C-alpha cells in the first residue's frame, strides 16, 4: 500500500490541528503528526512574545520541520500528517508552502492528500481571540488574504464555518474514506 501524507492548511483557528489530530486517531498506525505551530512556538520560540520573533527564527523552525518530515519519509513506515498556515506555492509570508511539501513527499514515493480548511473570516477572528496564543488581528488579516489567494484543483476544501469539531471531523472522514 502506498504511504500517504495529509497536508492540512488554512488560516489560524480554522481547525487544522484539532482536525488533523482527530484524523490521526482514525488512521492505521503508525502515524506521525507534524504541526508547524509546534515547531515555531513549542520548540523554538516558546519563551518569546510573538512580536519579538524574527523572520530568521521562523525559517530555522521551518527547516527543522522539513528535516524531521524527511526523516519520517525516509523511514517509509509512517502515514504523515502536516498542518500549518501554508500557502499553495509561494513563500509570500515566509512560510513553507504546500507545493514544496508535496514535491518532497513525492520524491520518497508518498502520495499527498491536500486539505484546505476555510471559514468565514469574522468567525475565525472570534475563534482566534479565544486562543491562548492569538495571532494579532493585523497579522491575521494579512495571513488570511495570502493563504486563500490561490487554491489548487488538487486541494479538498472544507468549510468549517458554524461547524463543531465533531461535525467537521465527520465531514472530513466521510469525504476522505468514501
N, C-alpha and C. Protein backbone atom coordinates (compact mmCIF):
# COMPACT_ATOMS: atom_id res chain seq x y z
N UNK A 1 0.85 -1.19 0.00
CA UNK A 1 0.00 0.00 0.00
C UNK A 1 0.89 1.25 0.00
N UNK A 2 0.58 2.18 -0.87
CA UNK A 2 1.36 3.42 -0.97
C UNK A 2 1.12 4.29 0.26
N UNK A 3 2.16 4.78 0.84
CA UNK A 3 2.07 5.62 2.03
C UNK A 3 1.52 7.00 1.66
N UNK A 4 0.92 7.62 2.65
CA UNK A 4 0.20 8.87 2.41
C UNK A 4 0.66 9.98 3.34
N UNK A 5 0.70 11.19 2.80
CA UNK A 5 0.89 12.41 3.57
C UNK A 5 -0.39 13.22 3.44
N UNK A 6 -0.94 13.62 4.56
CA UNK A 6 -2.10 14.52 4.59
C UNK A 6 -1.58 15.90 4.95
N UNK A 7 -1.88 16.88 4.11
CA UNK A 7 -1.44 18.25 4.37
C UNK A 7 -2.68 19.10 4.65
N UNK A 8 -2.77 19.58 5.88
CA UNK A 8 -3.85 20.48 6.28
C UNK A 8 -3.29 21.89 6.26
N UNK A 9 -3.97 22.77 5.53
CA UNK A 9 -3.55 24.17 5.54
C UNK A 9 -4.77 25.06 5.70
N UNK A 10 -4.52 26.26 6.19
CA UNK A 10 -5.60 27.21 6.38
C UNK A 10 -5.18 28.30 7.34
N UNK A 11 -6.07 29.24 7.55
CA UNK A 11 -5.80 30.37 8.43
C UNK A 11 -5.76 29.94 9.89
N UNK A 12 -5.19 30.78 10.74
CA UNK A 12 -5.24 30.49 12.17
C UNK A 12 -6.69 30.29 12.63
N UNK A 13 -6.90 29.30 13.49
CA UNK A 13 -8.20 28.98 14.09
C UNK A 13 -9.18 28.32 13.13
N UNK A 14 -8.69 27.87 11.97
CA UNK A 14 -9.59 27.20 11.02
C UNK A 14 -9.84 25.73 11.40
N UNK A 15 -9.05 25.21 12.35
CA UNK A 15 -9.26 23.85 12.82
C UNK A 15 -8.20 22.86 12.39
N UNK A 16 -7.09 23.34 11.84
CA UNK A 16 -6.06 22.45 11.31
C UNK A 16 -5.55 21.43 12.33
N UNK A 17 -5.09 21.90 13.46
CA UNK A 17 -4.50 21.00 14.45
C UNK A 17 -5.57 20.11 15.09
N UNK A 18 -6.68 20.68 15.45
CA UNK A 18 -7.76 19.89 16.06
C UNK A 18 -8.20 18.77 15.13
N UNK A 19 -8.42 19.09 13.87
CA UNK A 19 -8.92 18.09 12.93
C UNK A 19 -7.83 17.12 12.49
N UNK A 20 -6.60 17.59 12.35
CA UNK A 20 -5.53 16.65 11.97
C UNK A 20 -5.27 15.65 13.09
N UNK A 21 -5.34 16.08 14.33
CA UNK A 21 -5.17 15.14 15.45
C UNK A 21 -6.33 14.15 15.50
N UNK A 22 -7.53 14.61 15.24
CA UNK A 22 -8.68 13.70 15.22
C UNK A 22 -8.54 12.68 14.10
N UNK A 23 -8.10 13.12 12.93
CA UNK A 23 -7.88 12.21 11.81
C UNK A 23 -6.79 11.19 12.17
N UNK A 24 -5.73 11.63 12.82
CA UNK A 24 -4.63 10.74 13.19
C UNK A 24 -5.12 9.56 14.03
N UNK A 25 -6.09 9.80 14.90
CA UNK A 25 -6.63 8.73 15.74
C UNK A 25 -7.43 7.71 14.93
N UNK A 26 -7.87 8.08 13.74
CA UNK A 26 -8.70 7.20 12.92
C UNK A 26 -7.90 6.43 11.86
N UNK A 27 -6.65 6.79 11.67
CA UNK A 27 -5.82 6.17 10.63
C UNK A 27 -5.08 4.95 11.18
N UNK A 28 -4.75 4.00 10.29
CA UNK A 28 -3.92 2.87 10.73
C UNK A 28 -2.56 3.39 11.22
N UNK A 29 -2.04 2.76 12.24
CA UNK A 29 -0.78 3.18 12.84
C UNK A 29 0.39 2.55 12.09
N UNK A 30 1.57 3.13 12.14
CA UNK A 30 1.94 4.33 12.86
C UNK A 30 1.64 5.61 12.06
N UNK A 31 1.35 6.67 12.81
CA UNK A 31 1.05 7.97 12.23
C UNK A 31 1.95 9.00 12.92
N UNK A 32 2.55 9.87 12.13
CA UNK A 32 3.34 10.99 12.67
C UNK A 32 2.59 12.27 12.34
N UNK A 33 2.41 13.13 13.33
CA UNK A 33 1.79 14.43 13.09
C UNK A 33 2.84 15.51 13.32
N UNK A 34 2.99 16.37 12.34
CA UNK A 34 3.95 17.47 12.41
C UNK A 34 3.19 18.78 12.27
N UNK A 35 3.20 19.55 13.34
CA UNK A 35 2.45 20.81 13.38
C UNK A 35 3.43 21.98 13.32
N UNK A 36 3.28 22.79 12.30
CA UNK A 36 4.19 23.92 12.14
C UNK A 36 4.19 24.81 13.38
N UNK A 37 3.03 25.04 13.97
CA UNK A 37 2.98 25.89 15.16
C UNK A 37 3.83 25.32 16.29
N UNK A 38 3.85 24.00 16.43
CA UNK A 38 4.67 23.39 17.48
C UNK A 38 6.15 23.67 17.24
N UNK A 39 6.59 23.56 16.00
CA UNK A 39 7.99 23.83 15.70
C UNK A 39 8.33 25.29 15.95
N UNK A 40 7.39 26.16 15.66
CA UNK A 40 7.65 27.59 15.84
C UNK A 40 7.51 28.05 17.28
N UNK A 41 6.47 27.58 17.96
CA UNK A 41 6.15 28.12 19.29
C UNK A 41 6.40 27.13 20.42
N UNK A 42 6.34 25.86 20.14
CA UNK A 42 6.53 24.86 21.19
C UNK A 42 7.98 24.48 21.41
N UNK A 43 8.78 24.56 20.38
CA UNK A 43 10.19 24.18 20.48
C UNK A 43 11.07 25.43 20.45
N UNK A 44 10.90 26.18 19.39
CA UNK A 44 11.87 27.21 19.06
C UNK A 44 11.67 28.53 19.81
N UNK A 45 10.48 29.06 19.78
CA UNK A 45 10.23 30.41 20.32
C UNK A 45 9.29 30.40 21.52
N UNK A 46 9.25 29.31 22.26
CA UNK A 46 8.25 29.17 23.32
C UNK A 46 8.33 30.25 24.38
N UNK A 47 9.48 30.84 24.59
CA UNK A 47 9.62 31.82 25.67
C UNK A 47 9.56 33.27 25.18
N UNK A 48 9.34 33.46 23.89
CA UNK A 48 9.34 34.81 23.33
C UNK A 48 7.93 35.28 23.01
N UNK A 49 7.65 36.55 23.23
CA UNK A 49 6.38 37.08 22.72
C UNK A 49 6.42 37.08 21.19
N UNK A 50 5.29 36.85 20.56
CA UNK A 50 5.26 36.78 19.09
C UNK A 50 5.84 38.03 18.44
N UNK A 51 5.63 39.16 19.06
CA UNK A 51 6.11 40.42 18.47
C UNK A 51 7.63 40.52 18.45
N UNK A 52 8.33 39.70 19.21
CA UNK A 52 9.79 39.75 19.29
C UNK A 52 10.49 38.70 18.42
N UNK A 53 9.71 37.84 17.78
CA UNK A 53 10.28 36.76 16.97
C UNK A 53 10.71 37.32 15.61
N UNK A 54 11.94 37.01 15.23
CA UNK A 54 12.48 37.48 13.96
C UNK A 54 12.15 36.52 12.83
N UNK A 55 12.10 37.02 11.62
CA UNK A 55 11.81 36.21 10.44
C UNK A 55 12.76 35.01 10.34
N UNK A 56 14.03 35.24 10.58
CA UNK A 56 15.02 34.17 10.51
C UNK A 56 14.75 33.05 11.50
N UNK A 57 14.13 33.37 12.63
CA UNK A 57 13.79 32.34 13.61
C UNK A 57 12.67 31.44 13.09
N UNK A 58 11.74 32.01 12.35
CA UNK A 58 10.70 31.20 11.71
C UNK A 58 11.31 30.28 10.66
N UNK A 59 12.26 30.80 9.90
CA UNK A 59 12.90 30.00 8.86
C UNK A 59 13.63 28.81 9.50
N UNK A 60 14.34 29.03 10.60
CA UNK A 60 15.03 27.94 11.29
C UNK A 60 14.03 26.89 11.77
N UNK A 61 12.92 27.32 12.35
CA UNK A 61 11.89 26.37 12.81
C UNK A 61 11.33 25.58 11.62
N UNK A 62 11.11 26.26 10.50
CA UNK A 62 10.60 25.58 9.30
C UNK A 62 11.60 24.56 8.76
N UNK A 63 12.88 24.90 8.80
CA UNK A 63 13.91 23.94 8.36
C UNK A 63 13.92 22.71 9.26
N UNK A 64 13.70 22.91 10.55
CA UNK A 64 13.63 21.77 11.47
C UNK A 64 12.45 20.88 11.13
N UNK A 65 11.31 21.49 10.83
CA UNK A 65 10.13 20.71 10.45
C UNK A 65 10.42 19.89 9.19
N UNK A 66 11.02 20.51 8.19
CA UNK A 66 11.34 19.81 6.93
C UNK A 66 12.31 18.67 7.20
N UNK A 67 13.29 18.88 8.04
CA UNK A 67 14.26 17.84 8.35
C UNK A 67 13.59 16.62 9.00
N UNK A 68 12.72 16.85 9.94
CA UNK A 68 12.01 15.74 10.59
C UNK A 68 11.03 15.09 9.63
N UNK A 69 10.37 15.88 8.80
CA UNK A 69 9.48 15.36 7.76
C UNK A 69 10.24 14.39 6.86
N UNK A 70 11.41 14.81 6.40
CA UNK A 70 12.23 13.95 5.54
C UNK A 70 12.62 12.65 6.27
N UNK A 71 12.88 12.75 7.56
CA UNK A 71 13.23 11.56 8.33
C UNK A 71 12.11 10.54 8.35
N UNK A 72 10.89 10.99 8.56
CA UNK A 72 9.74 10.08 8.52
C UNK A 72 9.52 9.51 7.12
N UNK A 73 9.69 10.35 6.12
CA UNK A 73 9.54 9.88 4.74
C UNK A 73 10.58 8.82 4.42
N UNK A 74 11.81 9.07 4.81
CA UNK A 74 12.89 8.11 4.54
C UNK A 74 12.62 6.79 5.25
N UNK A 75 12.10 6.85 6.47
CA UNK A 75 11.77 5.63 7.21
C UNK A 75 10.75 4.80 6.42
N UNK A 76 9.76 5.47 5.84
CA UNK A 76 8.81 4.81 4.96
C UNK A 76 7.69 4.03 5.62
N UNK A 77 7.64 4.00 6.93
CA UNK A 77 6.62 3.22 7.63
C UNK A 77 5.47 4.03 8.18
N UNK A 78 5.50 5.34 8.02
CA UNK A 78 4.51 6.20 8.66
C UNK A 78 3.55 6.82 7.68
N UNK A 79 2.30 6.95 8.10
CA UNK A 79 1.38 7.89 7.49
C UNK A 79 1.72 9.21 8.18
N UNK A 80 1.82 10.27 7.42
CA UNK A 80 2.27 11.56 7.98
C UNK A 80 1.18 12.60 7.78
N UNK A 81 0.95 13.37 8.84
CA UNK A 81 0.02 14.49 8.77
C UNK A 81 0.79 15.76 9.10
N UNK A 82 0.71 16.73 8.20
CA UNK A 82 1.32 18.04 8.40
C UNK A 82 0.21 19.06 8.53
N UNK A 83 0.40 20.03 9.42
CA UNK A 83 -0.56 21.13 9.44
C UNK A 83 0.16 22.44 9.69
N UNK A 84 -0.34 23.46 9.00
CA UNK A 84 0.25 24.78 9.16
C UNK A 84 -0.42 25.79 8.27
N UNK A 85 -0.10 27.05 8.49
CA UNK A 85 -0.65 28.10 7.62
C UNK A 85 0.17 28.22 6.34
N UNK A 86 0.18 27.13 5.56
CA UNK A 86 0.96 27.08 4.34
C UNK A 86 0.21 27.75 3.20
N UNK A 87 0.93 28.48 2.35
CA UNK A 87 0.34 28.95 1.10
C UNK A 87 0.38 27.77 0.13
N UNK A 88 -0.23 27.92 -1.05
CA UNK A 88 -0.17 26.83 -2.02
C UNK A 88 1.23 26.70 -2.60
N UNK A 89 1.75 27.80 -3.19
CA UNK A 89 3.03 27.65 -3.90
C UNK A 89 3.95 28.86 -3.81
N UNK A 90 3.72 29.72 -2.83
CA UNK A 90 4.63 30.86 -2.66
C UNK A 90 5.13 30.90 -1.22
N UNK A 91 6.20 31.63 -1.03
CA UNK A 91 6.73 31.86 0.31
C UNK A 91 6.46 33.32 0.69
N UNK A 92 5.34 33.82 0.23
CA UNK A 92 4.99 35.23 0.37
C UNK A 92 5.06 35.73 1.81
N UNK A 93 4.65 34.90 2.75
CA UNK A 93 4.73 35.29 4.16
C UNK A 93 5.90 34.62 4.86
N UNK A 94 6.77 33.99 4.10
CA UNK A 94 7.90 33.31 4.69
C UNK A 94 7.58 31.93 5.21
N UNK A 95 6.42 31.42 4.87
CA UNK A 95 6.01 30.10 5.34
C UNK A 95 6.38 29.03 4.33
N UNK A 96 6.50 27.81 4.82
CA UNK A 96 6.66 26.66 3.94
C UNK A 96 5.41 26.61 3.07
N UNK A 97 5.54 26.22 1.82
CA UNK A 97 4.33 26.11 1.01
C UNK A 97 3.99 24.66 0.71
N UNK A 98 2.72 24.42 0.41
CA UNK A 98 2.24 23.06 0.16
C UNK A 98 2.92 22.41 -1.03
N UNK A 99 3.15 23.15 -2.09
CA UNK A 99 3.78 22.59 -3.29
C UNK A 99 5.16 22.00 -2.95
N UNK A 100 5.93 22.70 -2.13
CA UNK A 100 7.24 22.24 -1.71
C UNK A 100 7.12 20.93 -0.90
N UNK A 101 6.15 20.88 0.01
CA UNK A 101 5.94 19.67 0.82
C UNK A 101 5.54 18.48 -0.05
N UNK A 102 4.69 18.74 -1.03
CA UNK A 102 4.25 17.67 -1.94
C UNK A 102 5.43 17.14 -2.76
N UNK A 103 6.25 18.05 -3.28
CA UNK A 103 7.41 17.63 -4.06
C UNK A 103 8.35 16.76 -3.24
N UNK A 104 8.58 17.14 -1.98
CA UNK A 104 9.44 16.34 -1.11
C UNK A 104 8.82 14.97 -0.88
N UNK A 105 7.53 14.93 -0.53
CA UNK A 105 6.84 13.65 -0.27
C UNK A 105 6.86 12.76 -1.50
N UNK A 106 6.57 13.33 -2.66
CA UNK A 106 6.56 12.54 -3.90
C UNK A 106 7.94 11.95 -4.21
N UNK A 107 8.99 12.66 -3.85
CA UNK A 107 10.35 12.16 -4.11
C UNK A 107 10.66 10.90 -3.29
N UNK A 108 9.88 10.65 -2.25
CA UNK A 108 10.03 9.43 -1.44
C UNK A 108 8.93 8.40 -1.76
N UNK A 109 8.15 8.66 -2.80
CA UNK A 109 7.12 7.72 -3.22
C UNK A 109 5.81 7.82 -2.44
N UNK A 110 5.62 8.87 -1.71
CA UNK A 110 4.37 9.08 -0.96
C UNK A 110 3.36 9.82 -1.84
N UNK A 111 2.10 9.51 -1.65
CA UNK A 111 1.05 10.30 -2.27
C UNK A 111 0.60 11.34 -1.25
N UNK A 112 0.04 12.44 -1.73
CA UNK A 112 -0.39 13.51 -0.85
C UNK A 112 -1.87 13.78 -1.02
N UNK A 113 -2.52 13.99 0.10
CA UNK A 113 -3.91 14.44 0.11
C UNK A 113 -3.89 15.84 0.72
N UNK A 114 -4.31 16.78 -0.08
CA UNK A 114 -4.21 18.20 0.27
C UNK A 114 -5.56 18.73 0.74
N UNK A 115 -5.58 19.19 1.97
CA UNK A 115 -6.82 19.63 2.59
C UNK A 115 -6.68 21.10 2.97
N UNK A 116 -7.63 21.90 2.54
CA UNK A 116 -7.63 23.30 2.93
C UNK A 116 -8.89 23.55 3.76
N UNK A 117 -8.68 24.11 4.93
CA UNK A 117 -9.78 24.44 5.82
C UNK A 117 -10.07 25.92 5.71
N UNK A 118 -11.32 26.21 5.43
CA UNK A 118 -11.75 27.60 5.29
C UNK A 118 -12.88 27.86 6.27
N UNK A 119 -13.08 29.10 6.57
CA UNK A 119 -14.22 29.54 7.35
C UNK A 119 -14.34 31.04 7.17
N UNK A 120 -15.49 31.54 7.50
CA UNK A 120 -15.74 32.96 7.43
C UNK A 120 -14.70 33.69 8.29
N UNK A 121 -14.10 34.74 7.75
CA UNK A 121 -13.04 35.47 8.46
C UNK A 121 -13.52 35.99 9.82
N UNK A 122 -14.74 36.49 9.89
CA UNK A 122 -15.24 37.00 11.17
C UNK A 122 -15.31 35.90 12.22
N UNK A 123 -15.74 34.70 11.81
CA UNK A 123 -15.79 33.59 12.75
C UNK A 123 -14.39 33.19 13.19
N UNK A 124 -13.45 33.15 12.25
CA UNK A 124 -12.08 32.79 12.61
C UNK A 124 -11.45 33.81 13.55
N UNK A 125 -11.76 35.06 13.35
CA UNK A 125 -11.23 36.11 14.24
C UNK A 125 -11.76 35.88 15.66
N UNK A 126 -13.04 35.52 15.79
CA UNK A 126 -13.60 35.22 17.11
C UNK A 126 -12.94 34.00 17.73
N UNK A 127 -12.77 32.93 16.94
CA UNK A 127 -12.09 31.72 17.44
C UNK A 127 -10.66 32.05 17.86
N UNK A 128 -9.96 32.80 17.02
CA UNK A 128 -8.58 33.16 17.29
C UNK A 128 -8.45 33.94 18.60
N UNK A 129 -9.39 34.85 18.87
CA UNK A 129 -9.33 35.67 20.08
C UNK A 129 -9.44 34.82 21.35
N UNK A 130 -10.04 33.63 21.25
CA UNK A 130 -10.20 32.76 22.41
C UNK A 130 -8.97 31.89 22.68
N UNK A 131 -8.02 31.90 21.76
CA UNK A 131 -6.85 31.04 21.89
C UNK A 131 -5.82 31.64 22.86
N UNK A 132 -5.05 30.74 23.46
CA UNK A 132 -4.00 31.17 24.39
C UNK A 132 -2.98 32.04 23.66
N UNK A 133 -2.61 31.64 22.45
CA UNK A 133 -1.63 32.38 21.67
C UNK A 133 -2.31 32.95 20.42
N UNK A 134 -3.15 33.93 20.60
CA UNK A 134 -3.89 34.52 19.49
C UNK A 134 -2.96 35.27 18.55
N UNK A 135 -3.22 35.14 17.28
CA UNK A 135 -2.48 35.88 16.26
C UNK A 135 -3.02 37.31 16.25
N UNK A 136 -2.15 38.32 16.31
CA UNK A 136 -2.63 39.71 16.27
C UNK A 136 -3.51 39.95 15.04
N UNK A 137 -4.55 40.74 15.18
CA UNK A 137 -5.55 40.93 14.13
C UNK A 137 -4.94 41.40 12.81
N UNK A 138 -3.98 42.33 12.86
CA UNK A 138 -3.35 42.81 11.62
C UNK A 138 -2.65 41.66 10.90
N UNK A 139 -1.90 40.85 11.64
CA UNK A 139 -1.20 39.70 11.07
C UNK A 139 -2.21 38.68 10.56
N UNK A 140 -3.27 38.45 11.35
CA UNK A 140 -4.31 37.51 10.93
C UNK A 140 -4.88 37.92 9.57
N UNK A 141 -5.24 39.18 9.42
CA UNK A 141 -5.84 39.65 8.16
C UNK A 141 -4.88 39.47 6.98
N UNK A 142 -3.59 39.77 7.19
CA UNK A 142 -2.60 39.58 6.13
C UNK A 142 -2.51 38.10 5.76
N UNK A 143 -2.44 37.25 6.77
CA UNK A 143 -2.32 35.80 6.52
C UNK A 143 -3.55 35.28 5.80
N UNK A 144 -4.73 35.68 6.24
CA UNK A 144 -5.98 35.19 5.66
C UNK A 144 -6.00 35.46 4.16
N UNK A 145 -5.68 36.69 3.80
CA UNK A 145 -5.71 37.06 2.38
C UNK A 145 -4.70 36.25 1.56
N UNK A 146 -3.49 36.12 2.06
CA UNK A 146 -2.44 35.41 1.33
C UNK A 146 -2.71 33.91 1.27
N UNK A 147 -3.16 33.32 2.36
CA UNK A 147 -3.35 31.87 2.42
C UNK A 147 -4.43 31.37 1.46
N UNK A 148 -5.44 32.18 1.23
CA UNK A 148 -6.54 31.75 0.37
C UNK A 148 -6.48 32.36 -1.03
N UNK A 149 -5.39 33.08 -1.33
CA UNK A 149 -5.25 33.71 -2.64
C UNK A 149 -5.26 32.67 -3.75
N UNK A 150 -4.56 31.55 -3.54
CA UNK A 150 -4.51 30.50 -4.55
C UNK A 150 -4.86 29.17 -3.92
N UNK A 151 -5.85 28.52 -4.49
CA UNK A 151 -6.25 27.18 -4.08
C UNK A 151 -6.12 26.30 -5.31
N UNK A 152 -5.37 25.22 -5.16
CA UNK A 152 -5.12 24.33 -6.29
C UNK A 152 -6.29 23.38 -6.49
N UNK A 153 -6.47 22.92 -7.72
CA UNK A 153 -7.58 21.99 -8.01
C UNK A 153 -7.41 20.66 -7.29
N UNK A 154 -6.19 20.33 -6.85
CA UNK A 154 -5.97 19.07 -6.12
C UNK A 154 -6.39 19.15 -4.65
N UNK A 155 -6.66 20.35 -4.18
CA UNK A 155 -7.00 20.52 -2.76
C UNK A 155 -8.48 20.24 -2.51
N UNK A 156 -8.72 19.55 -1.41
CA UNK A 156 -10.09 19.30 -0.96
C UNK A 156 -10.42 20.43 0.01
N UNK A 157 -11.47 21.16 -0.29
CA UNK A 157 -11.85 22.32 0.52
C UNK A 157 -12.94 21.92 1.50
N UNK A 158 -12.69 22.22 2.78
CA UNK A 158 -13.70 22.01 3.81
C UNK A 158 -13.98 23.35 4.48
N UNK A 159 -15.25 23.70 4.53
CA UNK A 159 -15.66 24.93 5.19
C UNK A 159 -16.10 24.58 6.61
N UNK A 160 -15.38 25.11 7.60
CA UNK A 160 -15.69 24.81 9.00
C UNK A 160 -16.55 25.89 9.65
N UNK A 161 -17.05 26.83 8.86
CA UNK A 161 -17.91 27.88 9.40
C UNK A 161 -19.13 27.26 10.08
N UNK A 162 -19.39 27.69 11.29
CA UNK A 162 -20.55 27.24 12.07
C UNK A 162 -20.62 25.72 12.27
N UNK A 163 -19.47 25.08 12.27
CA UNK A 163 -19.44 23.63 12.50
C UNK A 163 -18.68 23.33 13.78
N UNK A 164 -19.17 22.35 14.51
CA UNK A 164 -18.46 21.89 15.69
C UNK A 164 -17.29 21.02 15.26
N UNK A 165 -16.42 20.73 16.21
CA UNK A 165 -15.30 19.82 15.94
C UNK A 165 -15.83 18.48 15.44
N UNK A 166 -16.85 17.95 16.11
CA UNK A 166 -17.43 16.65 15.73
C UNK A 166 -18.00 16.69 14.33
N UNK A 167 -18.74 17.72 14.00
CA UNK A 167 -19.31 17.85 12.65
C UNK A 167 -18.20 17.94 11.60
N UNK A 168 -17.15 18.69 11.91
CA UNK A 168 -16.06 18.87 10.96
C UNK A 168 -15.29 17.58 10.72
N UNK A 169 -14.98 16.84 11.77
CA UNK A 169 -14.22 15.60 11.57
C UNK A 169 -15.07 14.58 10.83
N UNK A 170 -16.36 14.50 11.12
CA UNK A 170 -17.24 13.57 10.38
C UNK A 170 -17.26 13.93 8.89
N UNK A 171 -17.31 15.21 8.60
CA UNK A 171 -17.33 15.69 7.22
C UNK A 171 -16.03 15.28 6.51
N UNK A 172 -14.90 15.46 7.17
CA UNK A 172 -13.61 15.14 6.58
C UNK A 172 -13.45 13.63 6.39
N UNK A 173 -13.76 12.86 7.41
CA UNK A 173 -13.62 11.39 7.33
C UNK A 173 -14.53 10.84 6.24
N UNK A 174 -15.75 11.34 6.16
CA UNK A 174 -16.69 10.88 5.13
C UNK A 174 -16.13 11.14 3.73
N UNK A 175 -15.56 12.31 3.53
CA UNK A 175 -15.01 12.67 2.22
C UNK A 175 -13.74 11.88 1.90
N UNK A 176 -12.86 11.72 2.87
CA UNK A 176 -11.58 11.06 2.60
C UNK A 176 -11.70 9.56 2.42
N UNK A 177 -12.68 8.95 3.06
CA UNK A 177 -12.77 7.49 3.04
C UNK A 177 -14.04 6.98 2.37
N UNK A 178 -14.59 7.76 1.46
CA UNK A 178 -15.80 7.31 0.76
C UNK A 178 -15.49 6.25 -0.26
